[in-house]
Amino acid sequence: PTAYAEPGDSLVHQIGTYDYLVSPDYDGLAPINSVSKGTTLGLGTFDRLDGELVMVGGQMYRIGTDGTPVLIDGSQSTPFFESVTFVPTASGPVAPGTTCVNLLAGVNALAKSDEGIVAVRVRGTFTDLTFRSVPAQIVPYPTLSQVVATQTLFPLGQRRAVLVGFRTGKDLTGTGAPGLHLHGLTADRKAGGHVISCVAGPDVQLSVQRTTGVLISGAAH
């Protein structure tokens, strides 16, 4: 297969790996648009970890430490990016009061599997919604945990939002972030970032897509 998504494919099109980030190395490996063409849902970061990346409906946004999503064209270099042509294979309501931490069980139940990579979309009204972003790093790179200690939090309270990302099973440890990894945007596209916390309101819907594999581009150096 090519790096680009073909019509009807269910592959994750990816640049870099989570293992590459935790090595730690945040140097960009390839332009985002070298794999993003034809995909509609995704997440990632930028060269030197300079902000959070969210793709919703085929549109990509960068969220820096000011918390404001800015549309991007995908020409930027990235050390880590995952995307898929999102066609849900199962959907269902999320029980009101469910926290983001507890969404994992629902994802596995809908996907009928805890292995492989599952693409995830969660949308509706949330309370205690908090996003984050991180600043660009300099060499020698600190560890990922040290970077997270410098994160900027965006507590948003109650907002309508869409959260997207991937659940990586233990059989693919190191490919994506372990467990459920979500980035998000508010419905008005005025706030976004990596999801730190949320609580589902009365109208939240969870949709999942079991992917058929992962195609990784960009060689670590």
N, C-alpha and C. Protein backbone atom coordinates (compact mmCIF):
# COMPACT_ATOMS: atom_id res chain seq x y z
N PRO A 1 0.82 -1.20 0.00
CA PRO A 1 0.00 0.00 0.00
C PRO A 1 0.86 1.26 0.00
N THR A 2 0.30 2.35 -0.53
CA THR A 2 1.00 3.62 -0.51
C THR A 2 0.88 4.25 0.87
N ALA A 3 1.65 5.33 1.11
CA ALA A 3 1.55 6.03 2.39
C ALA A 3 0.20 6.71 2.53
N TYR A 4 -0.41 7.08 1.37
CA TYR A 4 -1.71 7.74 1.39
C TYR A 4 -2.84 6.72 1.57
N ALA A 5 -3.94 7.20 2.13
CA ALA A 5 -5.11 6.34 2.29
C ALA A 5 -5.75 6.06 0.93
N GLU A 6 -6.05 4.80 0.68
CA GLU A 6 -6.80 4.41 -0.51
C GLU A 6 -8.28 4.38 -0.15
N PRO A 7 -9.17 4.59 -1.14
CA PRO A 7 -10.61 4.53 -0.84
C PRO A 7 -10.99 3.22 -0.16
N GLY A 8 -11.65 3.33 0.98
CA GLY A 8 -12.13 2.14 1.68
C GLY A 8 -11.12 1.47 2.57
N ASP A 9 -9.88 1.98 2.65
CA ASP A 9 -8.92 1.29 3.51
C ASP A 9 -9.17 1.66 4.98
N SER A 10 -8.85 0.74 5.86
CA SER A 10 -9.04 0.94 7.30
C SER A 10 -7.71 0.91 8.04
N LEU A 11 -6.65 1.28 7.34
CA LEU A 11 -5.33 1.32 7.94
C LEU A 11 -5.13 2.62 8.71
N VAL A 12 -4.32 2.55 9.76
CA VAL A 12 -3.83 3.76 10.41
C VAL A 12 -2.61 4.22 9.62
N HIS A 13 -2.64 5.47 9.15
CA HIS A 13 -1.51 6.04 8.42
C HIS A 13 -0.75 6.91 9.41
N GLN A 14 0.51 6.55 9.63
CA GLN A 14 1.24 7.06 10.79
C GLN A 14 2.64 7.50 10.41
N ILE A 15 3.11 8.54 11.11
CA ILE A 15 4.51 8.97 11.03
C ILE A 15 5.12 8.79 12.42
N GLY A 16 6.28 8.11 12.47
CA GLY A 16 6.93 7.90 13.76
C GLY A 16 6.16 6.93 14.65
N THR A 17 6.66 6.77 15.87
CA THR A 17 6.02 5.89 16.84
C THR A 17 6.09 6.53 18.23
N TYR A 18 5.28 6.02 19.13
CA TYR A 18 5.33 6.50 20.51
C TYR A 18 6.69 6.18 21.13
N ASP A 19 7.25 5.02 20.79
CA ASP A 19 8.58 4.67 21.29
C ASP A 19 9.63 5.70 20.90
N TYR A 20 9.51 6.24 19.70
CA TYR A 20 10.45 7.28 19.23
C TYR A 20 10.36 8.51 20.14
N LEU A 21 9.13 8.92 20.50
CA LEU A 21 8.96 10.08 21.37
C LEU A 21 9.58 9.84 22.75
N VAL A 22 9.35 8.67 23.31
CA VAL A 22 9.80 8.43 24.69
C VAL A 22 11.30 8.12 24.75
N SER A 23 11.97 8.07 23.60
CA SER A 23 13.41 7.71 23.61
C SER A 23 14.36 8.67 24.37
N PRO A 24 14.19 10.00 24.56
CA PRO A 24 13.23 10.88 23.88
C PRO A 24 13.85 11.51 22.63
N ASP A 25 13.02 11.63 21.57
CA ASP A 25 13.42 12.35 20.37
C ASP A 25 12.20 13.01 19.77
N TYR A 26 12.26 14.32 19.60
CA TYR A 26 11.12 15.08 19.12
C TYR A 26 11.39 15.73 17.77
N ASP A 27 12.50 15.35 17.12
CA ASP A 27 12.79 15.88 15.79
C ASP A 27 11.73 15.39 14.80
N GLY A 28 11.25 16.30 13.95
CA GLY A 28 10.30 15.90 12.93
C GLY A 28 10.90 14.86 11.99
N LEU A 29 10.07 13.90 11.58
CA LEU A 29 10.53 12.81 10.71
C LEU A 29 10.05 12.97 9.28
N ALA A 30 8.89 13.62 9.10
CA ALA A 30 8.31 13.78 7.76
C ALA A 30 7.19 14.80 7.85
N PRO A 31 6.82 15.41 6.71
CA PRO A 31 5.67 16.31 6.72
C PRO A 31 4.37 15.56 6.97
N ILE A 32 3.48 16.19 7.70
CA ILE A 32 2.19 15.56 8.02
C ILE A 32 1.47 15.13 6.74
N ASN A 33 1.48 16.00 5.73
CA ASN A 33 0.71 15.69 4.52
C ASN A 33 1.35 14.62 3.64
N SER A 34 2.47 14.06 4.07
CA SER A 34 3.04 12.93 3.34
C SER A 34 2.24 11.65 3.58
N VAL A 35 1.38 11.66 4.62
CA VAL A 35 0.52 10.49 4.87
C VAL A 35 -0.95 10.87 5.09
N SER A 36 -1.26 12.15 5.29
CA SER A 36 -2.61 12.52 5.73
C SER A 36 -3.65 12.57 4.62
N LYS A 37 -3.20 12.62 3.35
CA LYS A 37 -4.14 12.73 2.23
C LYS A 37 -5.19 11.62 2.27
N GLY A 38 -6.46 12.00 2.24
CA GLY A 38 -7.54 11.02 2.21
C GLY A 38 -8.02 10.58 3.58
N THR A 39 -7.28 10.95 4.64
CA THR A 39 -7.72 10.58 5.98
C THR A 39 -8.57 11.71 6.58
N THR A 40 -9.35 11.36 7.60
CA THR A 40 -10.32 12.33 8.13
C THR A 40 -10.25 12.54 9.64
N LEU A 41 -9.61 11.63 10.36
CA LEU A 41 -9.55 11.70 11.83
C LEU A 41 -8.13 11.39 12.27
N GLY A 42 -7.59 12.20 13.19
CA GLY A 42 -6.24 11.91 13.62
C GLY A 42 -5.76 12.82 14.73
N LEU A 43 -4.53 12.54 15.16
CA LEU A 43 -3.88 13.36 16.18
C LEU A 43 -2.38 13.24 16.05
N GLY A 44 -1.68 14.12 16.76
CA GLY A 44 -0.24 14.07 16.73
C GLY A 44 0.37 15.29 17.37
N THR A 45 1.60 15.57 16.98
CA THR A 45 2.31 16.74 17.49
C THR A 45 3.17 17.30 16.36
N PHE A 46 4.06 18.20 16.69
CA PHE A 46 4.88 18.88 15.69
C PHE A 46 6.35 18.77 16.05
N ASP A 47 7.21 19.13 15.09
CA ASP A 47 8.65 19.15 15.32
C ASP A 47 8.96 19.83 16.65
N ARG A 48 9.78 19.18 17.46
CA ARG A 48 10.18 19.64 18.79
C ARG A 48 9.01 19.68 19.80
N LEU A 49 7.92 18.96 19.48
CA LEU A 49 6.72 18.91 20.34
C LEU A 49 6.03 20.28 20.44
N ASP A 50 6.12 21.06 19.37
CA ASP A 50 5.63 22.43 19.41
C ASP A 50 4.12 22.50 19.21
N GLY A 51 3.37 21.99 20.20
CA GLY A 51 1.92 22.05 20.17
C GLY A 51 1.26 20.72 19.91
N GLU A 52 -0.07 20.73 20.02
CA GLU A 52 -0.89 19.52 19.83
C GLU A 52 -1.59 19.61 18.47
N LEU A 53 -1.74 18.46 17.82
CA LEU A 53 -2.41 18.38 16.52
C LEU A 53 -3.70 17.59 16.65
N VAL A 54 -4.76 18.13 16.06
CA VAL A 54 -6.06 17.44 16.03
C VAL A 54 -6.59 17.48 14.61
N MET A 55 -7.05 16.32 14.11
CA MET A 55 -7.72 16.27 12.81
C MET A 55 -9.16 15.80 13.02
N VAL A 56 -10.10 16.62 12.56
CA VAL A 56 -11.53 16.30 12.63
C VAL A 56 -12.15 16.61 11.27
N GLY A 57 -12.85 15.66 10.70
CA GLY A 57 -13.50 15.89 9.41
C GLY A 57 -12.53 16.25 8.31
N GLY A 58 -11.29 15.74 8.41
CA GLY A 58 -10.29 16.00 7.40
C GLY A 58 -9.57 17.33 7.55
N GLN A 59 -9.99 18.16 8.51
CA GLN A 59 -9.32 19.44 8.76
C GLN A 59 -8.37 19.30 9.95
N MET A 60 -7.16 19.85 9.79
CA MET A 60 -6.15 19.72 10.82
C MET A 60 -5.91 21.06 11.52
N TYR A 61 -5.73 20.98 12.82
CA TYR A 61 -5.51 22.16 13.64
C TYR A 61 -4.28 21.96 14.52
N ARG A 62 -3.55 23.07 14.73
CA ARG A 62 -2.48 23.10 15.73
C ARG A 62 -2.95 23.91 16.91
N ILE A 63 -2.77 23.38 18.11
CA ILE A 63 -3.09 24.10 19.34
C ILE A 63 -1.79 24.31 20.11
N GLY A 64 -1.35 25.55 20.19
CA GLY A 64 -0.16 25.89 20.95
C GLY A 64 -0.50 26.18 22.40
N THR A 65 0.42 26.78 23.12
CA THR A 65 0.21 27.00 24.55
C THR A 65 -0.74 28.16 24.85
N ASP A 66 -1.27 28.80 23.80
CA ASP A 66 -2.33 29.78 24.03
C ASP A 66 -3.71 29.13 23.99
N GLY A 67 -3.76 27.84 23.62
CA GLY A 67 -5.01 27.09 23.65
C GLY A 67 -5.94 27.31 22.48
N THR A 68 -5.51 28.09 21.49
CA THR A 68 -6.38 28.43 20.36
C THR A 68 -6.07 27.56 19.15
N PRO A 69 -7.06 26.82 18.62
CA PRO A 69 -6.83 26.02 17.42
C PRO A 69 -6.63 26.89 16.18
N VAL A 70 -5.61 26.54 15.38
CA VAL A 70 -5.31 27.24 14.14
C VAL A 70 -5.26 26.21 13.02
N LEU A 71 -6.02 26.43 11.95
CA LEU A 71 -5.99 25.53 10.81
C LEU A 71 -4.60 25.46 10.21
N ILE A 72 -4.16 24.27 9.83
CA ILE A 72 -2.86 24.09 9.20
C ILE A 72 -3.03 23.33 7.88
N ASP A 73 -2.01 23.42 7.02
CA ASP A 73 -2.10 22.76 5.72
C ASP A 73 -1.41 21.41 5.67
N GLY A 74 -0.74 21.02 6.76
CA GLY A 74 -0.09 19.72 6.80
C GLY A 74 1.33 19.70 6.28
N SER A 75 1.86 20.87 5.91
CA SER A 75 3.24 20.92 5.41
C SER A 75 4.25 20.84 6.54
N GLN A 76 3.78 20.97 7.77
CA GLN A 76 4.67 20.98 8.94
C GLN A 76 5.24 19.58 9.19
N SER A 77 6.45 19.54 9.72
CA SER A 77 7.10 18.28 10.04
C SER A 77 6.61 17.77 11.40
N THR A 78 6.55 16.45 11.54
CA THR A 78 6.08 15.85 12.78
C THR A 78 6.90 14.64 13.19
N PRO A 79 7.14 14.45 14.49
CA PRO A 79 7.77 13.22 14.96
C PRO A 79 6.75 12.12 15.25
N PHE A 80 5.44 12.51 15.32
CA PHE A 80 4.40 11.53 15.64
C PHE A 80 3.04 12.03 15.16
N PHE A 81 2.40 11.22 14.31
CA PHE A 81 1.09 11.56 13.76
C PHE A 81 0.38 10.26 13.41
N GLU A 82 -0.89 10.18 13.77
CA GLU A 82 -1.72 9.02 13.42
C GLU A 82 -3.01 9.52 12.79
N SER A 83 -3.43 8.88 11.69
CA SER A 83 -4.69 9.26 11.07
C SER A 83 -5.34 8.06 10.39
N VAL A 84 -6.64 8.21 10.14
CA VAL A 84 -7.41 7.13 9.53
C VAL A 84 -8.57 7.76 8.76
N THR A 85 -9.03 7.05 7.74
CA THR A 85 -10.27 7.44 7.09
C THR A 85 -11.40 6.86 7.94
N PHE A 86 -12.03 7.73 8.72
CA PHE A 86 -12.91 7.25 9.79
C PHE A 86 -14.28 6.85 9.25
N VAL A 87 -14.57 5.56 9.35
CA VAL A 87 -15.89 5.00 9.03
C VAL A 87 -16.27 4.12 10.21
N PRO A 88 -17.09 4.63 11.13
CA PRO A 88 -17.38 3.86 12.36
C PRO A 88 -17.95 2.48 12.07
N THR A 89 -17.47 1.50 12.80
CA THR A 89 -18.01 0.15 12.71
C THR A 89 -19.01 -0.14 13.82
N ALA A 90 -19.02 0.73 14.85
CA ALA A 90 -19.99 0.58 15.94
C ALA A 90 -20.10 1.92 16.66
N SER A 91 -21.31 2.22 17.15
CA SER A 91 -21.56 3.46 17.90
C SER A 91 -22.56 3.17 19.01
N GLY A 92 -22.50 4.02 20.03
CA GLY A 92 -23.45 3.87 21.12
C GLY A 92 -23.36 5.04 22.09
N PRO A 93 -24.38 5.20 22.94
CA PRO A 93 -24.36 6.30 23.90
C PRO A 93 -23.37 6.03 25.04
N VAL A 94 -22.85 7.10 25.60
CA VAL A 94 -21.98 7.02 26.77
C VAL A 94 -22.84 7.40 27.99
N ALA A 95 -22.78 6.59 29.03
CA ALA A 95 -23.59 6.86 30.22
C ALA A 95 -23.21 8.21 30.82
N PRO A 96 -24.20 9.07 31.10
CA PRO A 96 -23.88 10.35 31.73
C PRO A 96 -23.08 10.15 33.02
N GLY A 97 -22.08 10.97 33.21
CA GLY A 97 -21.23 10.85 34.39
C GLY A 97 -19.98 10.04 34.16
N THR A 98 -19.88 9.39 32.99
CA THR A 98 -18.67 8.63 32.67
C THR A 98 -17.49 9.59 32.49
N THR A 99 -16.38 9.29 33.14
CA THR A 99 -15.19 10.13 32.98
C THR A 99 -14.38 9.66 31.78
N CYS A 100 -13.52 10.54 31.27
CA CYS A 100 -12.66 10.16 30.14
C CYS A 100 -11.80 8.96 30.48
N VAL A 101 -11.34 8.90 31.73
CA VAL A 101 -10.50 7.78 32.16
C VAL A 101 -11.24 6.45 32.00
N ASN A 102 -12.56 6.50 32.16
CA ASN A 102 -13.35 5.27 32.10
C ASN A 102 -13.95 4.99 30.73
N LEU A 103 -13.57 5.77 29.72
CA LEU A 103 -14.07 5.50 28.37
C LEU A 103 -13.45 4.25 27.75
N LEU A 104 -12.28 3.87 28.23
CA LEU A 104 -11.55 2.75 27.63
C LEU A 104 -12.38 1.48 27.60
N ALA A 105 -13.07 1.19 28.69
CA ALA A 105 -13.88 -0.04 28.75
C ALA A 105 -14.98 -0.01 27.70
N GLY A 106 -15.59 1.17 27.51
CA GLY A 106 -16.63 1.30 26.51
C GLY A 106 -16.11 1.13 25.10
N VAL A 107 -14.91 1.64 24.85
CA VAL A 107 -14.29 1.48 23.54
C VAL A 107 -14.04 0.01 23.25
N ASN A 108 -13.45 -0.70 24.20
CA ASN A 108 -13.17 -2.12 24.00
C ASN A 108 -14.44 -2.93 23.81
N ALA A 109 -15.49 -2.56 24.55
CA ALA A 109 -16.76 -3.28 24.42
C ALA A 109 -17.37 -3.08 23.04
N LEU A 110 -17.38 -1.83 22.57
CA LEU A 110 -17.94 -1.56 21.24
C LEU A 110 -17.11 -2.21 20.14
N ALA A 111 -15.79 -2.18 20.30
CA ALA A 111 -14.90 -2.76 19.30
C ALA A 111 -14.84 -4.28 19.38
N LYS A 112 -15.34 -4.82 20.50
CA LYS A 112 -15.30 -6.27 20.75
C LYS A 112 -13.87 -6.81 20.72
N SER A 113 -12.93 -5.97 21.17
CA SER A 113 -11.53 -6.38 21.20
C SER A 113 -10.74 -5.40 22.04
N ASP A 114 -9.70 -5.91 22.68
CA ASP A 114 -8.75 -5.01 23.37
C ASP A 114 -7.39 -5.06 22.70
N GLU A 115 -7.34 -5.57 21.46
CA GLU A 115 -6.10 -5.66 20.71
C GLU A 115 -6.14 -4.75 19.49
N GLY A 116 -4.96 -4.58 18.87
CA GLY A 116 -4.87 -3.75 17.68
C GLY A 116 -5.07 -2.28 17.99
N ILE A 117 -5.35 -1.51 16.94
CA ILE A 117 -5.61 -0.09 17.09
C ILE A 117 -7.06 0.19 16.69
N VAL A 118 -7.76 0.88 17.56
CA VAL A 118 -9.16 1.26 17.31
C VAL A 118 -9.22 2.78 17.23
N ALA A 119 -9.77 3.30 16.13
CA ALA A 119 -10.00 4.74 16.01
C ALA A 119 -11.27 5.10 16.78
N VAL A 120 -11.23 6.26 17.44
CA VAL A 120 -12.30 6.62 18.38
C VAL A 120 -12.75 8.06 18.13
N ARG A 121 -14.07 8.26 18.19
CA ARG A 121 -14.65 9.61 18.20
C ARG A 121 -15.70 9.68 19.30
N VAL A 122 -15.61 10.70 20.14
CA VAL A 122 -16.56 10.92 21.22
C VAL A 122 -17.07 12.35 21.09
N ARG A 123 -18.38 12.54 20.99
CA ARG A 123 -18.87 13.91 20.82
C ARG A 123 -20.17 14.14 21.57
N GLY A 124 -20.33 15.37 22.02
CA GLY A 124 -21.52 15.74 22.78
C GLY A 124 -21.14 16.83 23.77
N THR A 125 -21.89 16.90 24.85
CA THR A 125 -21.66 17.90 25.89
C THR A 125 -20.90 17.27 27.05
N PHE A 126 -19.83 17.94 27.47
CA PHE A 126 -19.00 17.44 28.56
C PHE A 126 -18.92 18.48 29.67
N THR A 127 -18.72 17.99 30.88
CA THR A 127 -18.36 18.88 31.99
C THR A 127 -16.94 18.53 32.42
N ASP A 128 -16.34 19.40 33.23
CA ASP A 128 -14.96 19.21 33.68
C ASP A 128 -14.04 18.90 32.51
N LEU A 129 -14.26 19.59 31.38
CA LEU A 129 -13.45 19.36 30.19
C LEU A 129 -12.16 20.17 30.30
N THR A 130 -11.03 19.46 30.26
CA THR A 130 -9.73 20.11 30.33
C THR A 130 -8.83 19.60 29.22
N PHE A 131 -8.27 20.52 28.45
CA PHE A 131 -7.28 20.20 27.44
C PHE A 131 -5.92 20.70 27.92
N ARG A 132 -4.87 20.30 27.16
CA ARG A 132 -3.53 20.82 27.46
C ARG A 132 -2.73 20.93 26.18
N SER A 133 -1.67 21.75 26.24
CA SER A 133 -0.67 21.76 25.19
C SER A 133 0.70 21.90 25.85
N VAL A 134 1.74 21.70 25.06
CA VAL A 134 3.11 21.80 25.57
C VAL A 134 3.92 22.69 24.65
N PRO A 135 4.98 23.32 25.18
CA PRO A 135 5.82 24.21 24.37
C PRO A 135 6.89 23.45 23.60
N ALA A 136 7.47 24.12 22.61
CA ALA A 136 8.58 23.53 21.86
C ALA A 136 9.75 23.23 22.80
N GLN A 137 10.46 22.14 22.50
CA GLN A 137 11.58 21.70 23.34
C GLN A 137 12.91 21.97 22.63
N ILE A 138 13.98 22.01 23.41
CA ILE A 138 15.30 22.21 22.85
C ILE A 138 16.22 21.04 23.22
N VAL A 139 17.20 20.79 22.39
CA VAL A 139 18.18 19.72 22.62
C VAL A 139 19.16 20.17 23.70
N PRO A 140 19.57 19.30 24.64
CA PRO A 140 19.17 17.89 24.76
C PRO A 140 17.73 17.78 25.26
N TYR A 141 16.95 16.93 24.59
CA TYR A 141 15.54 16.83 24.90
C TYR A 141 15.29 16.24 26.28
N PRO A 142 14.38 16.85 27.05
CA PRO A 142 13.96 16.25 28.32
C PRO A 142 13.08 15.04 28.04
N THR A 143 12.85 14.23 29.06
CA THR A 143 11.96 13.09 28.90
C THR A 143 10.53 13.58 28.71
N LEU A 144 9.68 12.69 28.18
CA LEU A 144 8.29 13.06 27.95
C LEU A 144 7.59 13.45 29.25
N SER A 145 7.93 12.75 30.33
CA SER A 145 7.31 13.07 31.62
C SER A 145 7.75 14.45 32.11
N GLN A 146 9.00 14.82 31.83
CA GLN A 146 9.47 16.16 32.19
C GLN A 146 8.77 17.24 31.36
N VAL A 147 8.51 16.93 30.09
CA VAL A 147 7.79 17.87 29.23
C VAL A 147 6.37 18.09 29.76
N VAL A 148 5.70 17.00 30.10
CA VAL A 148 4.33 17.08 30.59
C VAL A 148 4.26 17.92 31.87
N ALA A 149 5.32 17.91 32.65
CA ALA A 149 5.35 18.71 33.88
C ALA A 149 5.31 20.20 33.58
N THR A 150 5.62 20.59 32.33
CA THR A 150 5.59 22.01 31.95
C THR A 150 4.35 22.33 31.10
N GLN A 151 3.39 21.42 31.04
CA GLN A 151 2.22 21.61 30.19
C GLN A 151 1.39 22.82 30.64
N THR A 152 0.66 23.39 29.69
CA THR A 152 -0.30 24.45 29.97
C THR A 152 -1.69 23.85 29.92
N LEU A 153 -2.45 23.99 31.00
CA LEU A 153 -3.79 23.41 31.09
C LEU A 153 -4.84 24.43 30.68
N PHE A 154 -5.90 23.94 30.03
CA PHE A 154 -7.01 24.78 29.62
C PHE A 154 -8.31 24.20 30.21
N PRO A 155 -8.66 24.58 31.45
CA PRO A 155 -9.90 24.10 32.05
C PRO A 155 -11.10 24.85 31.45
N LEU A 156 -12.01 24.12 30.84
CA LEU A 156 -13.09 24.74 30.07
C LEU A 156 -14.47 24.55 30.69
N GLY A 157 -14.57 23.71 31.74
CA GLY A 157 -15.87 23.51 32.36
C GLY A 157 -16.81 22.75 31.46
N GLN A 158 -18.02 23.27 31.24
CA GLN A 158 -19.01 22.58 30.41
C GLN A 158 -18.97 23.12 28.99
N ARG A 159 -18.71 22.22 28.04
CA ARG A 159 -18.64 22.62 26.63
C ARG A 159 -19.09 21.48 25.74
N ARG A 160 -19.63 21.83 24.58
CA ARG A 160 -19.84 20.84 23.53
C ARG A 160 -18.51 20.66 22.81
N ALA A 161 -18.15 19.41 22.55
CA ALA A 161 -16.84 19.14 21.97
C ALA A 161 -16.84 17.82 21.22
N VAL A 162 -15.81 17.64 20.40
CA VAL A 162 -15.54 16.35 19.77
C VAL A 162 -14.13 15.94 20.18
N LEU A 163 -14.01 14.71 20.65
CA LEU A 163 -12.73 14.14 21.07
C LEU A 163 -12.41 13.00 20.11
N VAL A 164 -11.19 12.97 19.61
CA VAL A 164 -10.81 11.95 18.64
C VAL A 164 -9.45 11.36 19.01
N GLY A 165 -9.26 10.12 18.59
CA GLY A 165 -7.97 9.50 18.86
C GLY A 165 -7.96 8.01 18.62
N PHE A 166 -7.09 7.33 19.36
CA PHE A 166 -6.84 5.92 19.11
C PHE A 166 -6.66 5.16 20.41
N ARG A 167 -7.19 3.93 20.41
CA ARG A 167 -6.92 2.99 21.49
C ARG A 167 -5.92 1.97 20.98
N THR A 168 -4.75 1.93 21.60
CA THR A 168 -3.70 1.00 21.19
C THR A 168 -3.65 -0.18 22.15
N GLY A 169 -3.78 -1.40 21.61
CA GLY A 169 -3.73 -2.60 22.42
C GLY A 169 -2.32 -2.98 22.81
N LYS A 170 -2.21 -3.87 23.78
CA LYS A 170 -0.89 -4.28 24.27
C LYS A 170 -0.08 -5.02 23.21
N ASP A 171 -0.78 -5.59 22.20
CA ASP A 171 -0.06 -6.28 21.13
C ASP A 171 0.71 -5.32 20.23
N LEU A 172 0.37 -4.02 20.32
CA LEU A 172 1.07 -3.02 19.52
C LEU A 172 1.75 -1.98 20.41
N THR A 173 2.18 -2.42 21.58
CA THR A 173 2.86 -1.53 22.53
C THR A 173 4.03 -0.82 21.85
N GLY A 174 4.09 0.50 22.04
CA GLY A 174 5.17 1.29 21.47
C GLY A 174 4.83 1.93 20.14
N THR A 175 3.77 1.41 19.47
CA THR A 175 3.35 1.99 18.19
C THR A 175 2.63 3.31 18.42
N GLY A 176 1.59 3.25 19.26
CA GLY A 176 0.86 4.44 19.68
C GLY A 176 0.95 4.58 21.17
N ALA A 177 0.41 5.68 21.70
CA ALA A 177 0.38 5.86 23.15
C ALA A 177 -0.43 4.73 23.78
N PRO A 178 0.01 4.20 24.92
CA PRO A 178 -0.70 3.06 25.52
C PRO A 178 -2.12 3.43 25.94
N GLY A 179 -3.04 2.48 25.77
CA GLY A 179 -4.42 2.72 26.19
C GLY A 179 -5.13 3.66 25.24
N LEU A 180 -5.96 4.54 25.80
CA LEU A 180 -6.77 5.46 25.00
C LEU A 180 -6.14 6.85 24.99
N HIS A 181 -5.83 7.34 23.81
CA HIS A 181 -5.16 8.64 23.62
C HIS A 181 -6.10 9.53 22.83
N LEU A 182 -6.55 10.64 23.43
CA LEU A 182 -7.52 11.52 22.79
C LEU A 182 -7.04 12.96 22.73
N HIS A 183 -7.28 13.61 21.60
CA HIS A 183 -7.17 15.05 21.46
C HIS A 183 -8.57 15.57 21.14
N GLY A 184 -8.81 16.86 21.33
CA GLY A 184 -10.17 17.34 21.12
C GLY A 184 -10.25 18.79 20.69
N LEU A 185 -11.46 19.15 20.22
CA LEU A 185 -11.81 20.51 19.85
C LEU A 185 -13.20 20.81 20.37
N THR A 186 -13.41 22.03 20.84
CA THR A 186 -14.76 22.44 21.17
C THR A 186 -15.56 22.61 19.88
N ALA A 187 -16.88 22.55 20.00
CA ALA A 187 -17.74 22.62 18.82
C ALA A 187 -17.56 23.94 18.06
N ASP A 188 -17.22 25.00 18.79
CA ASP A 188 -17.01 26.29 18.12
C ASP A 188 -15.58 26.47 17.62
N ARG A 189 -14.75 25.44 17.78
CA ARG A 189 -13.36 25.42 17.32
C ARG A 189 -12.52 26.54 17.94
N LYS A 190 -12.91 27.01 19.11
CA LYS A 190 -12.16 28.08 19.77
C LYS A 190 -11.21 27.57 20.85
N ALA A 191 -11.26 26.28 21.17
CA ALA A 191 -10.37 25.70 22.16
C ALA A 191 -10.11 24.24 21.79
N GLY A 192 -8.97 23.72 22.24
CA GLY A 192 -8.64 22.34 21.93
C GLY A 192 -7.34 21.93 22.59
N GLY A 193 -6.89 20.70 22.25
CA GLY A 193 -5.64 20.18 22.77
C GLY A 193 -5.73 18.71 23.11
N HIS A 194 -4.72 18.25 23.83
CA HIS A 194 -4.69 16.89 24.37
C HIS A 194 -5.68 16.81 25.52
N VAL A 195 -6.49 15.76 25.54
CA VAL A 195 -7.54 15.65 26.57
C VAL A 195 -6.94 15.18 27.89
N ILE A 196 -7.13 16.00 28.93
CA ILE A 196 -6.70 15.66 30.28
C ILE A 196 -7.84 15.07 31.09
N SER A 197 -9.02 15.68 30.99
CA SER A 197 -10.16 15.17 31.75
C SER A 197 -11.45 15.57 31.07
N CYS A 198 -12.50 14.79 31.33
CA CYS A 198 -13.85 15.15 30.90
C CYS A 198 -14.84 14.25 31.63
N VAL A 199 -16.07 14.72 31.71
CA VAL A 199 -17.19 13.94 32.25
C VAL A 199 -18.32 14.03 31.24
N ALA A 200 -18.85 12.89 30.82
CA ALA A 200 -19.90 12.87 29.80
C ALA A 200 -21.19 13.46 30.32
N GLY A 201 -21.81 14.30 29.51
CA GLY A 201 -23.14 14.82 29.79
C GLY A 201 -24.20 13.87 29.26
N PRO A 202 -25.43 14.35 29.07
CA PRO A 202 -26.54 13.47 28.72
C PRO A 202 -26.61 13.06 27.26
N ASP A 203 -25.79 13.67 26.39
CA ASP A 203 -25.95 13.46 24.94
C ASP A 203 -24.68 12.96 24.26
N VAL A 204 -23.77 12.35 25.00
CA VAL A 204 -22.48 11.97 24.42
C VAL A 204 -22.57 10.62 23.69
N GLN A 205 -22.06 10.61 22.47
CA GLN A 205 -22.04 9.42 21.64
C GLN A 205 -20.60 8.99 21.38
N LEU A 206 -20.36 7.68 21.48
CA LEU A 206 -19.06 7.08 21.22
C LEU A 206 -19.14 6.26 19.94
N SER A 207 -18.21 6.51 19.02
CA SER A 207 -18.13 5.74 17.78
C SER A 207 -16.71 5.19 17.64
N VAL A 208 -16.61 3.95 17.17
CA VAL A 208 -15.30 3.31 17.04
C VAL A 208 -15.16 2.66 15.67
N GLN A 209 -13.91 2.48 15.26
CA GLN A 209 -13.58 1.78 14.03
C GLN A 209 -12.39 0.87 14.29
N ARG A 210 -12.60 -0.40 14.14
CA ARG A 210 -11.48 -1.34 14.26
C ARG A 210 -10.64 -1.23 13.00
N THR A 211 -9.38 -0.85 13.16
CA THR A 211 -8.51 -0.71 12.01
C THR A 211 -7.91 -2.06 11.65
N THR A 212 -7.43 -2.14 10.42
CA THR A 212 -6.91 -3.43 9.92
C THR A 212 -5.38 -3.52 9.99
N GLY A 213 -4.75 -2.46 10.47
CA GLY A 213 -3.30 -2.46 10.57
C GLY A 213 -2.79 -1.05 10.61
N VAL A 214 -1.47 -0.92 10.65
CA VAL A 214 -0.85 0.41 10.72
C VAL A 214 0.29 0.48 9.72
N LEU A 215 0.33 1.59 8.96
CA LEU A 215 1.38 1.82 7.99
C LEU A 215 2.22 2.98 8.49
N ILE A 216 3.46 2.69 8.90
CA ILE A 216 4.32 3.68 9.55
C ILE A 216 5.35 4.23 8.56
N SER A 217 5.38 5.55 8.44
CA SER A 217 6.35 6.24 7.59
C SER A 217 7.32 7.04 8.47
N GLY A 218 8.45 7.39 7.90
CA GLY A 218 9.41 8.21 8.66
C GLY A 218 10.33 7.31 9.46
N ALA A 219 11.58 7.30 9.10
CA ALA A 219 12.54 6.44 9.80
C ALA A 219 13.21 7.23 10.92
N ALA A 220 13.20 6.67 12.13
CA ALA A 220 13.91 7.30 13.24
C ALA A 220 15.40 7.35 12.90
N HIS A 221 16.05 8.41 13.33
CA HIS A 221 17.48 8.54 13.03
C HIS A 221 18.27 8.68 14.30
